[in-house]
PDB file of N, CA and C in Angstrom:
ATOM      1  N   MET A   1       6.256 -29.900  24.116  1.00  0.00           N
ATOM      2  CA  MET A   1       5.056 -29.802  23.312  1.00  0.00           C
ATOM      3  C   MET A   1       4.029 -28.969  24.062  1.00  0.00           C
ATOM      4  N   HIS A   2       3.294 -28.147  23.349  1.00  0.00           N
ATOM      5  CA  HIS A   2       2.303 -27.271  23.960  1.00  0.00           C
ATOM      6  C   HIS A   2       0.936 -27.940  23.959  1.00  0.00           C
ATOM      7  N   ASP A   3       0.142 -27.658  24.994  1.00  0.00           N
ATOM      8  CA  ASP A   3      -1.218 -28.161  25.061  1.00  0.00           C
ATOM      9  C   ASP A   3      -2.129 -27.255  24.248  1.00  0.00           C
ATOM     10  N   HIS A   4      -3.047 -27.844  23.510  1.00  0.00           N
ATOM     11  CA  HIS A   4      -4.042 -27.088  22.736  1.00  0.00           C
ATOM     12  C   HIS A   4      -5.402 -27.656  23.066  1.00  0.00           C
ATOM     13  N   ASP A   5      -6.412 -26.793  23.116  1.00  0.00           N
ATOM     14  CA  ASP A   5      -7.744 -27.349  23.313  1.00  0.00           C
ATOM     15  C   ASP A   5      -8.199 -27.978  22.005  1.00  0.00           C
ATOM     16  N   GLU A   6      -9.349 -28.631  22.029  1.00  0.00           N
ATOM     17  CA  GLU A   6      -9.797 -29.391  20.863  1.00  0.00           C
ATOM     18  C   GLU A   6     -10.055 -28.509  19.649  1.00  0.00           C
ATOM     19  N   ARG A   7     -10.427 -27.262  19.833  1.00  0.00           N
ATOM     20  CA  ARG A   7     -10.712 -26.374  18.714  1.00  0.00           C
ATOM     21  C   ARG A   7      -9.477 -25.619  18.263  1.00  0.00           C
ATOM     22  N   GLY A   8      -8.367 -25.765  18.937  1.00  0.00           N
ATOM     23  CA  GLY A   8      -7.171 -25.033  18.580  1.00  0.00           C
ATOM     24  C   GLY A   8      -7.283 -23.557  18.930  1.00  0.00           C
ATOM     25  N   GLU A   9      -8.168 -23.184  19.871  1.00  0.00           N
ATOM     26  CA  GLU A   9      -8.403 -21.784  20.193  1.00  0.00           C
ATOM     27  C   GLU A   9      -7.435 -21.248  21.249  1.00  0.00           C
ATOM     28  N   GLU A  10      -6.827 -22.114  22.037  1.00  0.00           N
ATOM     29  CA  GLU A  10      -5.929 -21.641  23.085  1.00  0.00           C
ATOM     30  C   GLU A  10      -4.492 -21.935  22.714  1.00  0.00           C
ATOM     31  N   ILE A  11      -3.609 -21.064  23.122  1.00  0.00           N
ATOM     32  CA  ILE A  11      -2.187 -21.327  22.981  1.00  0.00           C
ATOM     33  C   ILE A  11      -1.545 -21.163  24.346  1.00  0.00           C
ATOM     34  N   ARG A  12      -0.504 -21.900  24.592  1.00  0.00           N
ATOM     35  CA  ARG A  12       0.206 -21.813  25.863  1.00  0.00           C
ATOM     36  C   ARG A  12       1.235 -20.696  25.809  1.00  0.00           C
ATOM     37  N   ASN A  13       1.307 -19.940  26.866  1.00  0.00           N
ATOM     38  CA  ASN A  13       2.329 -18.922  27.007  1.00  0.00           C
ATOM     39  C   ASN A  13       3.566 -19.619  27.560  1.00  0.00           C
ATOM     40  N   ALA A  14       4.641 -19.641  26.787  1.00  0.00           N
ATOM     41  CA  ALA A  14       5.846 -20.371  27.178  1.00  0.00           C
ATOM     42  C   ALA A  14       6.453 -19.821  28.462  1.00  0.00           C
ATOM     43  N   GLY A  15       6.247 -18.551  28.767  1.00  0.00           N
ATOM     44  CA  GLY A  15       6.850 -17.941  29.946  1.00  0.00           C
ATOM     45  C   GLY A  15       6.204 -18.346  31.246  1.00  0.00           C
ATOM     46  N   ASP A  16       4.859 -18.375  31.308  1.00  0.00           N
ATOM     47  CA  ASP A  16       4.211 -18.638  32.589  1.00  0.00           C
ATOM     48  C   ASP A  16       3.165 -19.736  32.560  1.00  0.00           C
ATOM     49  N   GLY A  17       2.978 -20.361  31.417  1.00  0.00           N
ATOM     50  CA  GLY A  17       2.003 -21.438  31.333  1.00  0.00           C
ATOM     51  C   GLY A  17       0.568 -20.965  31.215  1.00  0.00           C
ATOM     52  N   GLY A  18       0.339 -19.641  31.162  1.00  0.00           N
ATOM     53  CA  GLY A  18      -1.010 -19.109  30.992  1.00  0.00           C
ATOM     54  C   GLY A  18      -1.469 -19.286  29.561  1.00  0.00           C
ATOM     55  N   THR A  19      -2.705 -18.937  29.303  1.00  0.00           N
ATOM     56  CA  THR A  19      -3.229 -19.055  27.949  1.00  0.00           C
ATOM     57  C   THR A  19      -3.576 -17.686  27.393  1.00  0.00           C
ATOM     58  N   ALA A  20      -3.527 -17.572  26.094  1.00  0.00           N
ATOM     59  CA  ALA A  20      -3.951 -16.349  25.425  1.00  0.00           C
ATOM     60  C   ALA A  20      -5.452 -16.374  25.192  1.00  0.00           C
ATOM     61  N   GLY A  21      -6.085 -17.534  25.352  1.00  0.00           N
ATOM     62  CA  GLY A  21      -7.518 -17.637  25.141  1.00  0.00           C
ATOM     63  C   GLY A  21      -7.882 -17.594  23.665  1.00  0.00           C
ATOM     64  N   LEU A  22      -9.028 -17.050  23.371  1.00  0.00           N
ATOM     65  CA  LEU A  22      -9.501 -16.944  21.999  1.00  0.00           C
ATOM     66  C   LEU A  22      -8.755 -15.798  21.325  1.00  0.00           C
ATOM     67  N   VAL A  23      -7.844 -16.118  20.422  1.00  0.00           N
ATOM     68  CA  VAL A  23      -6.974 -15.099  19.824  1.00  0.00           C
ATOM     69  C   VAL A  23      -7.523 -14.498  18.535  1.00  0.00           C
ATOM     70  N   ALA A  24      -8.497 -15.141  17.905  1.00  0.00           N
ATOM     71  CA  ALA A  24      -9.000 -14.644  16.614  1.00  0.00           C
ATOM     72  C   ALA A  24      -9.462 -13.186  16.672  1.00  0.00           C
ATOM     73  N   PRO A  25     -10.244 -12.774  17.685  1.00  0.00           N
ATOM     74  CA  PRO A  25     -10.661 -11.367  17.711  1.00  0.00           C
ATOM     75  C   PRO A  25      -9.475 -10.407  17.758  1.00  0.00           C
ATOM     76  N   ALA A  26      -8.450 -10.739  18.519  1.00  0.00           N
ATOM     77  CA  ALA A  26      -7.259  -9.880  18.598  1.00  0.00           C
ATOM     78  C   ALA A  26      -6.546  -9.831  17.261  1.00  0.00           C
ATOM     79  N   LEU A  27      -6.478 -10.951  16.558  1.00  0.00           N
ATOM     80  CA  LEU A  27      -5.798 -10.981  15.264  1.00  0.00           C
ATOM     81  C   LEU A  27      -6.562 -10.164  14.227  1.00  0.00           C
ATOM     82  N   TYR A  28      -7.884 -10.246  14.243  1.00  0.00           N
ATOM     83  CA  TYR A  28      -8.666  -9.460  13.290  1.00  0.00           C
ATOM     84  C   TYR A  28      -8.569  -7.968  13.594  1.00  0.00           C
ATOM     85  N   ARG A  29      -8.547  -7.593  14.886  1.00  0.00           N
ATOM     86  CA  ARG A  29      -8.411  -6.181  15.258  1.00  0.00           C
ATOM     87  C   ARG A  29      -7.069  -5.612  14.846  1.00  0.00           C
ATOM     88  N   LYS A  30      -6.028  -6.434  14.922  1.00  0.00           N
ATOM     89  CA  LYS A  30      -4.668  -5.962  14.657  1.00  0.00           C
ATOM     90  C   LYS A  30      -4.093  -6.676  13.446  1.00  0.00           C
ATOM     91  N   SER A  31      -4.841  -6.733  12.345  1.00  0.00           N
ATOM     92  CA  SER A  31      -4.392  -7.469  11.168  1.00  0.00           C
ATOM     93  C   SER A  31      -3.106  -6.889  10.577  1.00  0.00           C
ATOM     94  N   GLY A  32      -2.733  -5.659  10.955  1.00  0.00           N
ATOM     95  CA  GLY A  32      -1.466  -5.089  10.512  1.00  0.00           C
ATOM     96  C   GLY A  32      -0.267  -5.826  11.094  1.00  0.00           C
ATOM     97  N   ASP A  33      -0.519  -6.691  12.088  1.00  0.00           N
ATOM     98  CA  ASP A  33       0.545  -7.514  12.673  1.00  0.00           C
ATOM     99  C   ASP A  33       0.843  -8.735  11.812  1.00  0.00           C
ATOM    100  N   LEU A  34       0.136  -8.838  10.686  1.00  0.00           N
ATOM    101  CA  LEU A  34       0.299  -9.976   9.788  1.00  0.00           C
ATOM    102  C   LEU A  34       0.645  -9.484   8.388  1.00  0.00           C
ATOM    103  N   ASN A  35       1.440 -10.258   7.681  1.00  0.00           N
ATOM    104  CA  ASN A  35       1.760  -9.975   6.277  1.00  0.00           C
ATOM    105  C   ASN A  35       0.664 -10.591   5.424  1.00  0.00           C
ATOM    106  N   ASP A  36      -0.147  -9.770   4.782  1.00  0.00           N
ATOM    107  CA  ASP A  36      -1.218 -10.276   3.932  1.00  0.00           C
ATOM    108  C   ASP A  36      -0.611 -10.868   2.665  1.00  0.00           C
ATOM    109  N   ILE A  37      -0.853 -12.137   2.446  1.00  0.00           N
ATOM    110  CA  ILE A  37      -0.331 -12.825   1.259  1.00  0.00           C
ATOM    111  C   ILE A  37      -1.446 -12.827   0.222  1.00  0.00           C
ATOM    112  N   THR A  38      -1.194 -12.205  -0.916  1.00  0.00           N
ATOM    113  CA  THR A  38      -2.255 -12.009  -1.902  1.00  0.00           C
ATOM    114  C   THR A  38      -2.059 -12.789  -3.197  1.00  0.00           C
ATOM    115  N   LEU A  39      -0.947 -13.482  -3.326  1.00  0.00           N
ATOM    116  CA  LEU A  39      -0.688 -14.264  -4.541  1.00  0.00           C
ATOM    117  C   LEU A  39      -0.478 -15.726  -4.187  1.00  0.00           C
ATOM    118  N   GLY A  40      -1.031 -16.607  -4.994  1.00  0.00           N
ATOM    119  CA  GLY A  40      -0.835 -18.036  -4.806  1.00  0.00           C
ATOM    120  C   GLY A  40      -2.159 -18.767  -4.830  1.00  0.00           C
ATOM    121  N   ASN A  41      -2.083 -20.093  -4.842  1.00  0.00           N
ATOM    122  CA  ASN A  41      -3.291 -20.905  -4.849  1.00  0.00           C
ATOM    123  C   ASN A  41      -2.976 -22.273  -4.285  1.00  0.00           C
ATOM    124  N   ASN A  42      -4.045 -23.011  -3.961  1.00  0.00           N
ATOM    125  CA  ASN A  42      -3.909 -24.345  -3.408  1.00  0.00           C
ATOM    126  C   ASN A  42      -5.227 -25.085  -3.609  1.00  0.00           C
ATOM    127  N   ASN A  43      -5.196 -26.147  -4.364  1.00  0.00           N
ATOM    128  CA  ASN A  43      -6.386 -26.988  -4.582  1.00  0.00           C
ATOM    129  C   ASN A  43      -7.608 -26.192  -5.029  1.00  0.00           C
ATOM    130  N   GLY A  44      -7.435 -25.265  -5.945  1.00  0.00           N
ATOM    131  CA  GLY A  44      -8.554 -24.524  -6.491  1.00  0.00           C
ATOM    132  C   GLY A  44      -8.895 -23.239  -5.771  1.00  0.00           C
ATOM    133  N   PHE A  45      -8.261 -22.962  -4.642  1.00  0.00           N
ATOM    134  CA  PHE A  45      -8.499 -21.716  -3.916  1.00  0.00           C
ATOM    135  C   PHE A  45      -7.405 -20.724  -4.257  1.00  0.00           C
ATOM    136  N   GLU A  46      -7.770 -19.465  -4.378  1.00  0.00           N
ATOM    137  CA  GLU A  46      -6.816 -18.398  -4.696  1.00  0.00           C
ATOM    138  C   GLU A  46      -6.576 -17.519  -3.475  1.00  0.00           C
ATOM    139  N   ALA A  47      -5.336 -17.085  -3.291  1.00  0.00           N
ATOM    140  CA  ALA A  47      -5.025 -16.097  -2.259  1.00  0.00           C
ATOM    141  C   ALA A  47      -5.497 -14.740  -2.747  1.00  0.00           C
ATOM    142  N   GLY A  48      -5.873 -13.880  -1.819  1.00  0.00           N
ATOM    143  CA  GLY A  48      -6.314 -12.534  -2.173  1.00  0.00           C
ATOM    144  C   GLY A  48      -6.226 -11.632  -0.960  1.00  0.00           C
ATOM    145  N   PRO A  49      -6.594 -10.385  -1.100  1.00  0.00           N
ATOM    146  CA  PRO A  49      -6.533  -9.444   0.026  1.00  0.00           C
ATOM    147  C   PRO A  49      -7.420  -9.885   1.187  1.00  0.00           C
ATOM    148  N   GLY A  50      -6.943  -9.684   2.407  1.00  0.00           N
ATOM    149  CA  GLY A  50      -7.705 -10.080   3.594  1.00  0.00           C
ATOM    150  C   GLY A  50      -7.657 -11.582   3.809  1.00  0.00           C
ATOM    151  N   TRP A  51      -8.617 -12.106   4.563  1.00  0.00           N
ATOM    152  CA  TRP A  51      -8.646 -13.542   4.840  1.00  0.00           C
ATOM    153  C   TRP A  51      -8.995 -14.306   3.574  1.00  0.00           C
ATOM    154  N   ASP A  52      -8.325 -15.430   3.380  1.00  0.00           N
ATOM    155  CA  ASP A  52      -8.663 -16.350   2.292  1.00  0.00           C
ATOM    156  C   ASP A  52      -8.320 -17.759   2.736  1.00  0.00           C
ATOM    157  N   PRO A  53      -8.922 -18.784   2.095  1.00  0.00           N
ATOM    158  CA  PRO A  53      -8.694 -20.162   2.540  1.00  0.00           C
ATOM    159  C   PRO A  53      -7.282 -20.686   2.267  1.00  0.00           C
ATOM    160  N   VAL A  54      -6.499 -19.977   1.495  1.00  0.00           N
ATOM    161  CA  VAL A  54      -5.139 -20.430   1.190  1.00  0.00           C
ATOM    162  C   VAL A  54      -4.168 -20.016   2.297  1.00  0.00           C
ATOM    163  N   THR A  55      -4.226 -18.756   2.706  1.00  0.00           N
ATOM    164  CA  THR A  55      -3.237 -18.244   3.666  1.00  0.00           C
ATOM    165  C   THR A  55      -3.850 -17.718   4.951  1.00  0.00           C
ATOM    166  N   GLY A  56      -5.166 -17.823   5.092  1.00  0.00           N
ATOM    167  CA  GLY A  56      -5.821 -17.281   6.287  1.00  0.00           C
ATOM    168  C   GLY A  56      -5.643 -15.774   6.327  1.00  0.00           C
ATOM    169  N   LEU A  57      -5.227 -15.254   7.469  1.00  0.00           N
ATOM    170  CA  LEU A  57      -4.974 -13.819   7.599  1.00  0.00           C
ATOM    171  C   LEU A  57      -3.582 -13.439   7.119  1.00  0.00           C
ATOM    172  N   GLY A  58      -2.713 -14.423   6.910  1.00  0.00           N
ATOM    173  CA  GLY A  58      -1.353 -14.144   6.451  1.00  0.00           C
ATOM    174  C   GLY A  58      -0.316 -14.702   7.409  1.00  0.00           C
ATOM    175  N   SER A  59       0.919 -14.300   7.210  1.00  0.00           N
ATOM    176  CA  SER A  59       2.006 -14.771   8.069  1.00  0.00           C
ATOM    177  C   SER A  59       2.303 -13.719   9.137  1.00  0.00           C
ATOM    178  N   PRO A  60       2.652 -14.168  10.352  1.00  0.00           N
ATOM    179  CA  PRO A  60       2.856 -13.227  11.454  1.00  0.00           C
ATOM    180  C   PRO A  60       4.135 -12.413  11.326  1.00  0.00           C
ATOM    181  N   LYS A  61       4.066 -11.167  11.774  1.00  0.00           N
ATOM    182  CA  LYS A  61       5.245 -10.310  11.930  1.00  0.00           C
ATOM    183  C   LYS A  61       5.698 -10.509  13.374  1.00  0.00           C
ATOM    184  N   GLY A  62       6.777 -11.250  13.574  1.00  0.00           N
ATOM    185  CA  GLY A  62       7.267 -11.717  14.866  1.00  0.00           C
ATOM    186  C   GLY A  62       6.950 -10.900  16.099  1.00  0.00           C
ATOM    187  N   ASP A  63       7.652  -9.785  16.313  1.00  0.00           N
ATOM    188  CA  ASP A  63       7.485  -9.011  17.542  1.00  0.00           C
ATOM    189  C   ASP A  63       6.084  -8.425  17.662  1.00  0.00           C
ATOM    190  N   ALA A  64       5.507  -7.996  16.545  1.00  0.00           N
ATOM    191  CA  ALA A  64       4.179  -7.385  16.580  1.00  0.00           C
ATOM    192  C   ALA A  64       3.126  -8.394  17.015  1.00  0.00           C
ATOM    193  N   ILE A  65       3.176  -9.601  16.471  1.00  0.00           N
ATOM    194  CA  ILE A  65       2.170 -10.603  16.818  1.00  0.00           C
ATOM    195  C   ILE A  65       2.369 -11.078  18.251  1.00  0.00           C
ATOM    196  N   ALA A  66       3.622 -11.169  18.694  1.00  0.00           N
ATOM    197  CA  ALA A  66       3.897 -11.556  20.083  1.00  0.00           C
ATOM    198  C   ALA A  66       3.298 -10.547  21.047  1.00  0.00           C
ATOM    199  N   ALA A  67       3.416  -9.253  20.734  1.00  0.00           N
ATOM    200  CA  ALA A  67       2.845  -8.212  21.593  1.00  0.00           C
ATOM    201  C   ALA A  67       1.323  -8.300  21.600  1.00  0.00           C
ATOM    202  N   THR A  68       0.713  -8.524  20.454  1.00  0.00           N
ATOM    203  CA  THR A  68      -0.738  -8.633  20.369  1.00  0.00           C
ATOM    204  C   THR A  68      -1.238  -9.807  21.178  1.00  0.00           C
ATOM    205  N   LEU A  69      -0.591 -10.951  21.066  1.00  0.00           N
ATOM    206  CA  LEU A  69      -1.020 -12.133  21.824  1.00  0.00           C
ATOM    207  C   LEU A  69      -0.765 -11.949  23.304  1.00  0.00           C
ATOM    208  N   SER A  70       0.283 -11.249  23.666  1.00  0.00           N
ATOM    209  CA  SER A  70       0.558 -10.954  25.063  1.00  0.00           C
ATOM    210  C   SER A  70      -0.543 -10.074  25.640  1.00  0.00           C
ATOM    211  N   GLU A  71      -0.953  -9.051  24.884  1.00  0.00           N
ATOM    212  CA  GLU A  71      -2.058  -8.182  25.314  1.00  0.00           C
ATOM    213  C   GLU A  71      -3.344  -8.984  25.472  1.00  0.00           C
ATOM    214  N   ALA A  72      -3.596  -9.899  24.544  1.00  0.00           N
ATOM    215  CA  ALA A  72      -4.811 -10.716  24.591  1.00  0.00           C
ATOM    216  C   ALA A  72      -4.830 -11.590  25.831  1.00  0.00           C
ATOM    217  N   SER A  73      -3.667 -12.112  26.246  1.00  0.00           N
ATOM    218  CA  SER A  73      -3.620 -12.991  27.420  1.00  0.00           C
ATOM    219  C   SER A  73      -3.860 -12.202  28.705  1.00  0.00           C
ATOM    220  N   VAL A  74      -3.492 -10.928  28.718  1.00  0.00           N
ATOM    221  CA  VAL A  74      -3.720 -10.089  29.883  1.00  0.00           C
ATOM    222  C   VAL A  74      -5.212  -9.807  30.049  1.00  0.00           C
ATOM    223  N   ARG A  75      -5.921  -9.655  28.933  1.00  0.00           N
ATOM    224  CA  ARG A  75      -7.349  -9.342  28.966  1.00  0.00           C
ATOM    225  C   ARG A  75      -8.223 -10.535  29.314  1.00  0.00           C
ATOM    226  N   SER A  76      -7.745 -11.758  29.032  1.00  0.00           N
ATOM    227  CA  SER A  76      -8.621 -12.916  29.233  1.00  0.00           C
ATOM    228  C   SER A  76      -8.566 -13.440  30.647  1.00  0.00           C
TER     229      SER A  76
END
């Protein structure tokens, strides 16, 4: 099991135990690393282009998101 801080802002790097730190800025800068989900709904909220309360920024593209988070951990 991975350790998370109370806000869910840190993730553990499985390779060395380091943290990626605050990943949101990296995800917003590299949103092309995510599949934007634009159709669907949940409890009255609709999915749409960009961030939305149903899908957030979207689903990760495996290798691309791993590289982005790796870069973020080097900077923090």
